[in-house]
Amino acid sequence: MPSSPLRVAVVCMSNMNRSMEAFSILMKKGFSVKSFGAGSCVRLPGRASNLPVVYDFSTTYEQMCKDLLHKDGERYRSNGVLHILGRNERINPHPERFQECRDPFDVIFTCQESIYDRVVADLCAREQETCQPVHVINVDIHDTLEDATLGSLIICELCQGLQQADDMESSLAELLLAAEGKTGRSFLHTVCFY
């Protein structure tokens, strides 16, 4: 079993719902975890699906909450966005963008295939310095409160299995196959290098 905690990153598009729910669960289980968004900005539901409310990644969760309360507090309370922002604020001051982080991780979980593609492309474009491997695994999670929780529990179970494995490299394929059988989901996986 590895002597140090597994270093985990979870990435969704805006570092708002899916990655932060996984961050919260993994943090409570004692993992060294960070969460990120891979988009160019933070997008929240607006009055219409084609009119999102857009923020820069440097905008704090508290600022977003105040802005949305001012815009239409009842709407954002009833659709759960204010609840999400409150949870996020207790974990981290503001969203973070994956492409700006240079911390090494043992495993990076993404929450949809397009995010997986962005993360892998970013890692492959970086200059390799240490040749330390990082496993990038996609767990498709719909961007709803319920699926964010279910997906986070799958990620947590995978992390627990990896943390307990004598050899993460040789155990990973077996863990993913077992998770696919249990959940009925398929996972994308690749190895990149720092």
N, C-alpha and C. Protein backbone atom coordinates (compact mmCIF):
# COMPACT_ATOMS: atom_id res chain seq x y z
N MET A 1 0.85 -1.18 0.00
CA MET A 1 0.00 0.00 0.00
C MET A 1 0.89 1.24 0.00
N PRO A 2 0.57 2.27 -0.83
CA PRO A 2 1.38 3.48 -0.87
C PRO A 2 1.44 4.16 0.50
N SER A 3 2.61 4.67 0.86
CA SER A 3 2.77 5.29 2.17
C SER A 3 2.20 6.70 2.20
N SER A 4 2.14 7.37 1.08
CA SER A 4 1.60 8.74 1.05
C SER A 4 0.21 8.72 0.43
N PRO A 5 -0.61 9.71 0.82
CA PRO A 5 -1.96 9.75 0.24
C PRO A 5 -1.91 9.96 -1.27
N LEU A 6 -2.85 9.34 -1.93
CA LEU A 6 -3.02 9.49 -3.36
C LEU A 6 -3.28 10.97 -3.67
N ARG A 7 -2.56 11.53 -4.63
CA ARG A 7 -2.77 12.93 -5.03
C ARG A 7 -3.77 12.93 -6.19
N VAL A 8 -4.93 13.52 -5.94
CA VAL A 8 -6.06 13.42 -6.87
C VAL A 8 -6.50 14.80 -7.33
N ALA A 9 -6.85 14.90 -8.61
CA ALA A 9 -7.52 16.09 -9.14
C ALA A 9 -8.82 15.64 -9.79
N VAL A 10 -9.84 16.47 -9.68
CA VAL A 10 -11.12 16.21 -10.34
C VAL A 10 -11.43 17.45 -11.17
N VAL A 11 -11.78 17.22 -12.45
CA VAL A 11 -11.97 18.34 -13.37
C VAL A 11 -13.33 18.24 -14.05
N CYS A 12 -14.10 19.31 -13.95
CA CYS A 12 -15.33 19.46 -14.74
C CYS A 12 -15.16 20.71 -15.59
N MET A 13 -16.20 21.23 -16.16
CA MET A 13 -16.03 22.37 -17.07
C MET A 13 -15.83 23.69 -16.32
N SER A 14 -16.63 23.94 -15.28
CA SER A 14 -16.60 25.25 -14.63
C SER A 14 -16.13 25.22 -13.18
N ASN A 15 -15.71 24.04 -12.66
CA ASN A 15 -15.30 23.91 -11.26
C ASN A 15 -16.43 24.37 -10.34
N MET A 16 -17.61 23.87 -10.66
CA MET A 16 -18.79 24.34 -9.94
C MET A 16 -19.53 23.20 -9.24
N ASN A 17 -20.03 22.23 -9.98
CA ASN A 17 -20.89 21.20 -9.42
C ASN A 17 -20.17 19.86 -9.26
N ARG A 18 -19.87 19.21 -10.38
CA ARG A 18 -19.36 17.84 -10.33
C ARG A 18 -18.00 17.74 -9.66
N SER A 19 -17.05 18.58 -10.05
CA SER A 19 -15.71 18.50 -9.47
C SER A 19 -15.71 18.91 -8.00
N MET A 20 -16.54 19.87 -7.64
CA MET A 20 -16.57 20.32 -6.24
C MET A 20 -17.28 19.31 -5.35
N GLU A 21 -18.28 18.61 -5.86
CA GLU A 21 -18.93 17.56 -5.07
C GLU A 21 -17.92 16.44 -4.80
N ALA A 22 -17.16 16.04 -5.83
CA ALA A 22 -16.14 15.02 -5.64
C ALA A 22 -15.05 15.51 -4.68
N PHE A 23 -14.65 16.77 -4.82
CA PHE A 23 -13.66 17.37 -3.92
C PHE A 23 -14.14 17.23 -2.48
N SER A 24 -15.38 17.60 -2.22
CA SER A 24 -15.95 17.56 -0.87
C SER A 24 -15.91 16.14 -0.31
N ILE A 25 -16.35 15.17 -1.09
CA ILE A 25 -16.39 13.78 -0.62
C ILE A 25 -14.99 13.22 -0.40
N LEU A 26 -14.10 13.46 -1.36
CA LEU A 26 -12.73 12.94 -1.23
C LEU A 26 -11.98 13.59 -0.07
N MET A 27 -12.18 14.88 0.13
CA MET A 27 -11.54 15.59 1.23
C MET A 27 -11.96 14.98 2.57
N LYS A 28 -13.25 14.69 2.70
CA LYS A 28 -13.76 14.09 3.94
C LYS A 28 -13.18 12.70 4.18
N LYS A 29 -12.79 12.02 3.10
CA LYS A 29 -12.20 10.68 3.22
C LYS A 29 -10.68 10.73 3.40
N GLY A 30 -10.11 11.94 3.47
CA GLY A 30 -8.69 12.09 3.77
C GLY A 30 -7.75 12.10 2.57
N PHE A 31 -8.29 12.23 1.37
CA PHE A 31 -7.43 12.27 0.19
C PHE A 31 -6.85 13.66 -0.01
N SER A 32 -5.65 13.71 -0.60
CA SER A 32 -5.05 14.96 -1.03
C SER A 32 -5.69 15.29 -2.37
N VAL A 33 -6.62 16.23 -2.39
CA VAL A 33 -7.44 16.45 -3.58
C VAL A 33 -7.54 17.93 -3.92
N LYS A 34 -7.63 18.20 -5.22
CA LYS A 34 -7.92 19.53 -5.73
C LYS A 34 -8.95 19.38 -6.83
N SER A 35 -9.70 20.45 -7.06
CA SER A 35 -10.68 20.39 -8.15
C SER A 35 -10.51 21.60 -9.06
N PHE A 36 -10.90 21.40 -10.32
CA PHE A 36 -10.66 22.41 -11.33
C PHE A 36 -11.79 22.44 -12.35
N GLY A 37 -11.80 23.51 -13.13
CA GLY A 37 -12.59 23.61 -14.34
C GLY A 37 -11.63 23.61 -15.51
N ALA A 38 -12.10 23.18 -16.67
CA ALA A 38 -11.24 23.16 -17.85
C ALA A 38 -11.74 24.11 -18.93
N GLY A 39 -12.85 24.81 -18.66
CA GLY A 39 -13.39 25.74 -19.63
C GLY A 39 -12.63 27.06 -19.62
N SER A 40 -13.03 27.95 -20.51
CA SER A 40 -12.38 29.27 -20.58
C SER A 40 -12.96 30.23 -19.55
N CYS A 41 -14.16 29.91 -19.04
CA CYS A 41 -14.80 30.73 -18.02
C CYS A 41 -15.80 29.86 -17.27
N VAL A 42 -16.36 30.42 -16.22
CA VAL A 42 -17.38 29.73 -15.43
C VAL A 42 -18.75 30.09 -16.00
N ARG A 43 -19.51 29.08 -16.33
CA ARG A 43 -20.85 29.28 -16.89
C ARG A 43 -21.89 28.67 -15.95
N LEU A 44 -22.87 29.49 -15.57
CA LEU A 44 -23.98 29.03 -14.74
C LEU A 44 -25.28 29.20 -15.51
N PRO A 45 -26.31 28.43 -15.15
CA PRO A 45 -27.58 28.55 -15.87
C PRO A 45 -28.12 29.98 -15.80
N GLY A 46 -28.58 30.47 -16.92
CA GLY A 46 -29.19 31.79 -16.98
C GLY A 46 -30.69 31.68 -17.19
N ARG A 47 -31.30 32.75 -17.66
CA ARG A 47 -32.75 32.75 -17.88
C ARG A 47 -33.17 31.81 -19.00
N ALA A 48 -32.24 31.54 -19.92
CA ALA A 48 -32.49 30.60 -21.01
C ALA A 48 -31.23 29.75 -21.19
N SER A 49 -31.38 28.55 -21.75
CA SER A 49 -30.23 27.65 -21.87
C SER A 49 -29.12 28.23 -22.76
N ASN A 50 -29.50 29.10 -23.68
CA ASN A 50 -28.48 29.71 -24.55
C ASN A 50 -27.98 31.05 -24.01
N LEU A 51 -28.41 31.41 -22.79
CA LEU A 51 -27.97 32.67 -22.17
C LEU A 51 -27.42 32.41 -20.77
N PRO A 52 -26.25 31.74 -20.66
CA PRO A 52 -25.70 31.47 -19.33
C PRO A 52 -25.20 32.74 -18.65
N VAL A 53 -25.08 32.67 -17.35
CA VAL A 53 -24.42 33.73 -16.58
C VAL A 53 -22.94 33.34 -16.57
N VAL A 54 -22.08 34.26 -16.99
CA VAL A 54 -20.67 33.94 -17.18
C VAL A 54 -19.80 34.75 -16.22
N TYR A 55 -18.84 34.05 -15.61
CA TYR A 55 -17.88 34.68 -14.69
C TYR A 55 -16.47 34.25 -15.07
N ASP A 56 -15.51 35.07 -14.72
CA ASP A 56 -14.10 34.73 -14.85
C ASP A 56 -13.75 33.77 -13.70
N PHE A 57 -12.73 32.94 -13.89
CA PHE A 57 -12.32 32.01 -12.85
C PHE A 57 -11.83 32.72 -11.58
N SER A 58 -11.44 33.97 -11.69
CA SER A 58 -10.96 34.70 -10.50
C SER A 58 -12.11 35.23 -9.64
N THR A 59 -13.34 35.15 -10.13
CA THR A 59 -14.50 35.61 -9.36
C THR A 59 -14.74 34.64 -8.22
N THR A 60 -14.89 35.16 -7.00
CA THR A 60 -15.09 34.27 -5.86
C THR A 60 -16.50 33.69 -5.87
N TYR A 61 -16.66 32.56 -5.22
CA TYR A 61 -17.99 31.97 -5.09
C TYR A 61 -18.93 32.92 -4.35
N GLU A 62 -18.38 33.65 -3.37
CA GLU A 62 -19.19 34.62 -2.62
C GLU A 62 -19.69 35.74 -3.55
N GLN A 63 -18.82 36.25 -4.42
CA GLN A 63 -19.23 37.29 -5.37
C GLN A 63 -20.31 36.78 -6.32
N MET A 64 -20.15 35.53 -6.80
CA MET A 64 -21.17 34.95 -7.67
C MET A 64 -22.51 34.87 -6.96
N CYS A 65 -22.47 34.41 -5.72
CA CYS A 65 -23.69 34.26 -4.94
C CYS A 65 -24.40 35.61 -4.77
N LYS A 66 -23.65 36.63 -4.41
CA LYS A 66 -24.24 37.97 -4.24
C LYS A 66 -24.83 38.48 -5.55
N ASP A 67 -24.10 38.26 -6.65
CA ASP A 67 -24.58 38.70 -7.96
C ASP A 67 -25.88 38.00 -8.34
N LEU A 68 -25.93 36.68 -8.13
CA LEU A 68 -27.14 35.92 -8.48
C LEU A 68 -28.31 36.26 -7.57
N LEU A 69 -28.04 36.51 -6.30
CA LEU A 69 -29.11 36.95 -5.40
C LEU A 69 -29.70 38.27 -5.89
N HIS A 70 -28.83 39.15 -6.34
CA HIS A 70 -29.27 40.45 -6.87
C HIS A 70 -30.07 40.27 -8.17
N LYS A 71 -29.62 39.37 -9.04
CA LYS A 71 -30.27 39.17 -10.35
C LYS A 71 -31.64 38.52 -10.20
N ASP A 72 -31.70 37.41 -9.45
CA ASP A 72 -32.97 36.68 -9.30
C ASP A 72 -32.79 35.61 -8.22
N GLY A 73 -32.77 36.05 -6.97
CA GLY A 73 -32.50 35.16 -5.85
C GLY A 73 -33.40 33.94 -5.80
N GLU A 74 -34.68 34.12 -6.08
CA GLU A 74 -35.62 33.00 -6.01
C GLU A 74 -35.29 31.94 -7.06
N ARG A 75 -35.00 32.35 -8.28
CA ARG A 75 -34.65 31.41 -9.35
C ARG A 75 -33.43 30.58 -8.96
N TYR A 76 -32.37 31.23 -8.46
CA TYR A 76 -31.13 30.53 -8.18
C TYR A 76 -31.18 29.75 -6.87
N ARG A 77 -32.13 30.10 -6.01
CA ARG A 77 -32.37 29.29 -4.81
C ARG A 77 -33.11 28.02 -5.22
N SER A 78 -34.14 28.15 -6.05
CA SER A 78 -34.95 26.99 -6.41
C SER A 78 -34.23 26.01 -7.34
N ASN A 79 -33.32 26.49 -8.19
CA ASN A 79 -32.62 25.56 -9.07
C ASN A 79 -31.35 24.97 -8.44
N GLY A 80 -31.07 25.32 -7.19
CA GLY A 80 -29.96 24.73 -6.45
C GLY A 80 -28.61 25.40 -6.62
N VAL A 81 -28.53 26.43 -7.47
CA VAL A 81 -27.23 27.06 -7.72
C VAL A 81 -26.69 27.76 -6.46
N LEU A 82 -27.55 28.41 -5.69
CA LEU A 82 -27.07 29.07 -4.47
C LEU A 82 -26.57 28.05 -3.45
N HIS A 83 -27.21 26.89 -3.39
CA HIS A 83 -26.75 25.82 -2.50
C HIS A 83 -25.35 25.36 -2.92
N ILE A 84 -25.15 25.16 -4.22
CA ILE A 84 -23.85 24.74 -4.75
C ILE A 84 -22.78 25.79 -4.42
N LEU A 85 -23.11 27.05 -4.64
CA LEU A 85 -22.15 28.12 -4.37
C LEU A 85 -21.79 28.17 -2.88
N GLY A 86 -22.77 27.95 -2.01
CA GLY A 86 -22.50 27.93 -0.56
C GLY A 86 -21.55 26.81 -0.18
N ARG A 87 -21.80 25.61 -0.74
CA ARG A 87 -20.90 24.48 -0.49
C ARG A 87 -19.50 24.79 -0.99
N ASN A 88 -19.41 25.31 -2.22
CA ASN A 88 -18.11 25.61 -2.81
C ASN A 88 -17.33 26.62 -2.00
N GLU A 89 -18.03 27.63 -1.51
CA GLU A 89 -17.38 28.69 -0.73
C GLU A 89 -16.76 28.14 0.55
N ARG A 90 -17.39 27.11 1.14
CA ARG A 90 -16.84 26.50 2.35
C ARG A 90 -15.58 25.68 2.05
N ILE A 91 -15.38 25.30 0.79
CA ILE A 91 -14.24 24.46 0.41
C ILE A 91 -13.08 25.28 -0.14
N ASN A 92 -13.38 26.26 -0.97
CA ASN A 92 -12.36 27.00 -1.72
C ASN A 92 -12.91 28.40 -2.00
N PRO A 93 -12.07 29.43 -2.00
CA PRO A 93 -12.61 30.78 -2.22
C PRO A 93 -13.18 31.00 -3.62
N HIS A 94 -12.54 30.41 -4.63
CA HIS A 94 -12.98 30.67 -6.01
C HIS A 94 -12.66 29.46 -6.88
N PRO A 95 -13.29 29.36 -8.04
CA PRO A 95 -12.97 28.25 -8.94
C PRO A 95 -11.54 28.37 -9.46
N GLU A 96 -10.98 27.24 -9.85
CA GLU A 96 -9.63 27.22 -10.40
C GLU A 96 -9.66 26.54 -11.75
N ARG A 97 -8.77 26.98 -12.62
CA ARG A 97 -8.70 26.44 -13.99
C ARG A 97 -7.55 25.45 -14.08
N PHE A 98 -7.84 24.24 -14.58
CA PHE A 98 -6.83 23.18 -14.64
C PHE A 98 -5.59 23.60 -15.43
N GLN A 99 -5.79 24.27 -16.53
CA GLN A 99 -4.68 24.62 -17.41
C GLN A 99 -3.66 25.56 -16.73
N GLU A 100 -4.04 26.17 -15.62
CA GLU A 100 -3.14 27.08 -14.92
C GLU A 100 -2.43 26.42 -13.74
N CYS A 101 -2.73 25.16 -13.47
CA CYS A 101 -2.13 24.44 -12.34
C CYS A 101 -0.93 23.64 -12.81
N ARG A 102 0.14 23.70 -12.04
CA ARG A 102 1.34 22.91 -12.36
C ARG A 102 1.64 21.88 -11.28
N ASP A 103 0.72 21.66 -10.36
CA ASP A 103 0.91 20.65 -9.32
C ASP A 103 0.85 19.25 -9.93
N PRO A 104 1.70 18.33 -9.47
CA PRO A 104 1.63 16.96 -9.98
C PRO A 104 0.55 16.16 -9.24
N PHE A 105 -0.11 15.26 -9.96
CA PHE A 105 -1.11 14.39 -9.38
C PHE A 105 -0.80 12.95 -9.77
N ASP A 106 -1.30 12.01 -8.99
CA ASP A 106 -1.19 10.60 -9.34
C ASP A 106 -2.30 10.21 -10.30
N VAL A 107 -3.47 10.79 -10.08
CA VAL A 107 -4.62 10.48 -10.93
C VAL A 107 -5.48 11.73 -11.08
N ILE A 108 -5.98 11.94 -12.29
CA ILE A 108 -6.87 13.06 -12.59
C ILE A 108 -8.16 12.45 -13.13
N PHE A 109 -9.27 12.76 -12.47
CA PHE A 109 -10.59 12.32 -12.93
C PHE A 109 -11.26 13.47 -13.66
N THR A 110 -11.81 13.17 -14.83
CA THR A 110 -12.61 14.16 -15.55
C THR A 110 -14.06 13.70 -15.54
N CYS A 111 -14.97 14.63 -15.77
CA CYS A 111 -16.40 14.34 -15.60
C CYS A 111 -17.18 14.23 -16.90
N GLN A 112 -16.53 14.39 -18.03
CA GLN A 112 -17.16 14.13 -19.33
C GLN A 112 -16.07 14.05 -20.38
N GLU A 113 -16.38 13.40 -21.50
CA GLU A 113 -15.37 13.09 -22.49
C GLU A 113 -14.70 14.34 -23.06
N SER A 114 -15.44 15.40 -23.30
CA SER A 114 -14.83 16.61 -23.86
C SER A 114 -13.83 17.24 -22.88
N ILE A 115 -14.08 17.09 -21.59
CA ILE A 115 -13.15 17.60 -20.58
C ILE A 115 -11.91 16.71 -20.53
N TYR A 116 -12.12 15.42 -20.62
CA TYR A 116 -11.01 14.45 -20.71
C TYR A 116 -10.09 14.84 -21.87
N ASP A 117 -10.68 15.11 -23.03
CA ASP A 117 -9.89 15.50 -24.20
C ASP A 117 -9.09 16.77 -23.93
N ARG A 118 -9.69 17.75 -23.27
CA ARG A 118 -8.98 19.00 -22.96
C ARG A 118 -7.82 18.76 -22.00
N VAL A 119 -8.06 17.96 -20.97
CA VAL A 119 -7.02 17.69 -19.97
C VAL A 119 -5.86 16.94 -20.60
N VAL A 120 -6.15 15.90 -21.37
CA VAL A 120 -5.10 15.12 -22.01
C VAL A 120 -4.31 16.01 -23.00
N ALA A 121 -5.02 16.81 -23.77
CA ALA A 121 -4.33 17.71 -24.72
C ALA A 121 -3.42 18.69 -23.99
N ASP A 122 -3.90 19.23 -22.86
CA ASP A 122 -3.08 20.17 -22.10
C ASP A 122 -1.84 19.48 -21.53
N LEU A 123 -2.02 18.30 -20.96
CA LEU A 123 -0.87 17.58 -20.39
C LEU A 123 0.14 17.21 -21.48
N CYS A 124 -0.34 16.79 -22.64
CA CYS A 124 0.57 16.41 -23.74
C CYS A 124 1.30 17.61 -24.33
N ALA A 125 0.71 18.80 -24.21
CA ALA A 125 1.34 20.00 -24.76
C ALA A 125 2.41 20.57 -23.81
N ARG A 126 2.40 20.15 -22.56
CA ARG A 126 3.38 20.64 -21.59
C ARG A 126 4.73 19.97 -21.84
N GLU A 127 5.78 20.69 -21.50
CA GLU A 127 7.11 20.11 -21.61
C GLU A 127 7.30 19.09 -20.49
N GLN A 128 7.73 17.88 -20.84
CA GLN A 128 7.94 16.85 -19.82
C GLN A 128 9.21 17.17 -19.05
N GLU A 129 9.08 17.17 -17.71
CA GLU A 129 10.22 17.51 -16.86
C GLU A 129 10.66 16.33 -16.01
N THR A 130 9.72 15.63 -15.38
CA THR A 130 10.07 14.57 -14.43
C THR A 130 9.76 13.17 -14.98
N CYS A 131 8.98 13.10 -16.03
CA CYS A 131 8.50 11.82 -16.59
C CYS A 131 7.68 11.01 -15.59
N GLN A 132 7.18 11.68 -14.55
CA GLN A 132 6.28 11.03 -13.58
C GLN A 132 4.95 10.77 -14.27
N PRO A 133 4.42 9.55 -14.19
CA PRO A 133 3.14 9.26 -14.83
C PRO A 133 1.97 9.85 -14.07
N VAL A 134 0.94 10.22 -14.79
CA VAL A 134 -0.33 10.62 -14.20
C VAL A 134 -1.43 9.90 -14.99
N HIS A 135 -2.31 9.25 -14.27
CA HIS A 135 -3.42 8.53 -14.91
C HIS A 135 -4.60 9.48 -15.05
N VAL A 136 -5.11 9.61 -16.26
CA VAL A 136 -6.28 10.44 -16.51
C VAL A 136 -7.44 9.50 -16.79
N ILE A 137 -8.49 9.62 -15.99
CA ILE A 137 -9.64 8.71 -16.08
C ILE A 137 -10.90 9.54 -16.23
N ASN A 138 -11.71 9.20 -17.22
CA ASN A 138 -12.98 9.89 -17.38
C ASN A 138 -14.12 9.05 -16.80
N VAL A 139 -14.89 9.70 -15.93
CA VAL A 139 -16.11 9.13 -15.38
C VAL A 139 -17.23 10.05 -15.85
N ASP A 140 -18.02 9.63 -16.83
CA ASP A 140 -19.09 10.50 -17.34
C ASP A 140 -20.11 10.77 -16.24
N ILE A 141 -20.30 12.05 -15.93
CA ILE A 141 -21.23 12.47 -14.89
C ILE A 141 -22.09 13.59 -15.47
N HIS A 142 -23.40 13.38 -15.50
CA HIS A 142 -24.30 14.44 -15.96
C HIS A 142 -24.22 15.59 -14.96
N ASP A 143 -24.39 16.80 -15.45
CA ASP A 143 -24.25 17.98 -14.61
C ASP A 143 -25.55 18.28 -13.86
N THR A 144 -25.94 17.33 -13.00
CA THR A 144 -27.09 17.52 -12.11
C THR A 144 -26.61 17.26 -10.69
N LEU A 145 -27.36 17.75 -9.72
CA LEU A 145 -26.96 17.53 -8.32
C LEU A 145 -26.91 16.05 -7.99
N GLU A 146 -27.92 15.29 -8.41
CA GLU A 146 -27.99 13.87 -8.09
C GLU A 146 -26.85 13.10 -8.74
N ASP A 147 -26.62 13.31 -10.04
CA ASP A 147 -25.57 12.57 -10.72
C ASP A 147 -24.17 12.99 -10.24
N ALA A 148 -24.04 14.25 -9.83
CA ALA A 148 -22.75 14.70 -9.28
C ALA A 148 -22.41 13.90 -8.03
N THR A 149 -23.41 13.65 -7.19
CA THR A 149 -23.19 12.86 -5.98
C THR A 149 -22.88 11.41 -6.33
N LEU A 150 -23.67 10.82 -7.22
CA LEU A 150 -23.43 9.42 -7.62
C LEU A 150 -22.06 9.26 -8.26
N GLY A 151 -21.71 10.16 -9.17
CA GLY A 151 -20.41 10.10 -9.83
C GLY A 151 -19.26 10.28 -8.86
N SER A 152 -19.45 11.16 -7.87
CA SER A 152 -18.42 11.40 -6.87
C SER A 152 -18.18 10.16 -6.01
N LEU A 153 -19.25 9.42 -5.74
CA LEU A 153 -19.10 8.18 -4.96
C LEU A 153 -18.32 7.13 -5.77
N ILE A 154 -18.55 7.08 -7.08
CA ILE A 154 -17.78 6.17 -7.95
C ILE A 154 -16.31 6.56 -7.92
N ILE A 155 -16.03 7.86 -8.05
CA ILE A 155 -14.65 8.35 -8.02
C ILE A 155 -14.01 8.01 -6.67
N CYS A 156 -14.75 8.20 -5.59
CA CYS A 156 -14.23 7.92 -4.25
C CYS A 156 -13.90 6.44 -4.11
N GLU A 157 -14.77 5.58 -4.60
CA GLU A 157 -14.52 4.13 -4.52
C GLU A 157 -13.27 3.75 -5.32
N LEU A 158 -13.11 4.35 -6.49
CA LEU A 158 -11.90 4.10 -7.29
C LEU A 158 -10.65 4.58 -6.55
N CYS A 159 -10.73 5.75 -5.94
CA CYS A 159 -9.59 6.29 -5.18
C CYS A 159 -9.23 5.38 -4.00
N GLN A 160 -10.24 4.89 -3.32
CA GLN A 160 -9.98 4.00 -2.19
C GLN A 160 -9.30 2.72 -2.66
N GLY A 161 -9.76 2.18 -3.79
CA GLY A 161 -9.12 1.00 -4.35
C GLY A 161 -7.69 1.26 -4.74
N LEU A 162 -7.43 2.40 -5.36
CA LEU A 162 -6.06 2.75 -5.77
C LEU A 162 -5.16 2.98 -4.56
N GLN A 163 -5.70 3.61 -3.53
CA GLN A 163 -4.92 3.89 -2.33
C GLN A 163 -4.52 2.58 -1.63
N GLN A 164 -5.38 1.59 -1.68
CA GLN A 164 -5.12 0.33 -0.99
C GLN A 164 -4.29 -0.65 -1.83
N ALA A 165 -4.14 -0.38 -3.11
CA ALA A 165 -3.42 -1.29 -4.00
C ALA A 165 -1.93 -1.31 -3.68
N ASP A 166 -1.35 -2.49 -3.75
CA ASP A 166 0.10 -2.60 -3.56
C ASP A 166 0.84 -1.94 -4.71
N ASP A 167 0.29 -2.06 -5.90
CA ASP A 167 0.91 -1.47 -7.10
C ASP A 167 -0.21 -0.83 -7.93
N MET A 168 -0.30 0.48 -7.86
CA MET A 168 -1.39 1.19 -8.55
C MET A 168 -1.38 0.89 -10.04
N GLU A 169 -0.19 0.85 -10.64
CA GLU A 169 -0.08 0.65 -12.09
C GLU A 169 -0.73 -0.67 -12.52
N SER A 170 -0.46 -1.75 -11.78
CA SER A 170 -0.98 -3.05 -12.19
C SER A 170 -2.42 -3.26 -11.73
N SER A 171 -2.87 -2.52 -10.73
CA SER A 171 -4.23 -2.71 -10.20
C SER A 171 -5.28 -1.87 -10.91
N LEU A 172 -4.86 -0.83 -11.61
CA LEU A 172 -5.82 0.13 -12.16
C LEU A 172 -6.78 -0.49 -13.17
N ALA A 173 -6.27 -1.27 -14.11
CA ALA A 173 -7.13 -1.87 -15.13
C ALA A 173 -8.18 -2.77 -14.49
N GLU A 174 -7.77 -3.53 -13.50
CA GLU A 174 -8.70 -4.43 -12.79
C GLU A 174 -9.76 -3.63 -12.03
N LEU A 175 -9.35 -2.55 -11.38
CA LEU A 175 -10.30 -1.70 -10.65
C LEU A 175 -11.32 -1.07 -11.60
N LEU A 176 -10.85 -0.60 -12.77
CA LEU A 176 -11.75 0.02 -13.73
C LEU A 176 -12.74 -1.01 -14.29
N LEU A 177 -12.26 -2.21 -14.57
CA LEU A 177 -13.16 -3.26 -15.07
C LEU A 177 -14.22 -3.61 -14.03
N ALA A 178 -13.82 -3.72 -12.78
CA ALA A 178 -14.77 -4.02 -11.71
C ALA A 178 -15.79 -2.90 -11.57
N ALA A 179 -15.33 -1.64 -11.66
CA ALA A 179 -16.24 -0.49 -11.57
C ALA A 179 -17.20 -0.46 -12.75
N GLU A 180 -16.71 -0.80 -13.94
CA GLU A 180 -17.59 -0.85 -15.12
C GLU A 180 -18.69 -1.89 -14.93
N GLY A 181 -18.32 -3.05 -14.40
CA GLY A 181 -19.29 -4.10 -14.15
C GLY A 181 -20.32 -3.70 -13.10
N LYS A 182 -19.86 -3.03 -12.07
CA LYS A 182 -20.74 -2.63 -10.97
C LYS A 182 -21.68 -1.49 -11.35
N THR A 183 -21.17 -0.51 -12.11
CA THR A 183 -21.94 0.70 -12.40
C THR A 183 -22.63 0.70 -13.75
N GLY A 184 -22.17 -0.16 -14.66
CA GLY A 184 -22.71 -0.14 -16.03
C GLY A 184 -22.17 1.01 -16.86
N ARG A 185 -21.21 1.74 -16.32
CA ARG A 185 -20.58 2.85 -17.05
C ARG A 185 -19.26 2.39 -17.63
N SER A 186 -18.83 3.02 -18.70
CA SER A 186 -17.49 2.73 -19.21
C SER A 186 -16.61 3.93 -18.92
N PHE A 187 -15.32 3.66 -18.74
CA PHE A 187 -14.37 4.69 -18.36
C PHE A 187 -13.29 4.81 -19.42
N LEU A 188 -12.92 6.04 -19.74
CA LEU A 188 -11.76 6.29 -20.58
C LEU A 188 -10.55 6.39 -19.67
N HIS A 189 -9.39 5.92 -20.13
CA HIS A 189 -8.18 5.98 -19.31
C HIS A 189 -6.97 6.12 -20.22
N THR A 190 -6.07 6.99 -19.83
CA THR A 190 -4.79 7.10 -20.51
C THR A 190 -3.74 7.51 -19.49
N VAL A 191 -2.50 7.36 -19.85
CA VAL A 191 -1.39 7.78 -19.00
C VAL A 191 -0.67 8.92 -19.70
N CYS A 192 -0.44 10.01 -18.97
CA CYS A 192 0.36 11.12 -19.47
C CYS A 192 1.57 11.23 -18.55
N PHE A 193 2.52 12.11 -18.88
CA PHE A 193 3.72 12.24 -18.08
C PHE A 193 4.04 13.71 -17.82
N TYR A 194 4.50 13.98 -16.60
CA TYR A 194 4.89 15.35 -16.24
C TYR A 194 6.31 15.63 -16.69
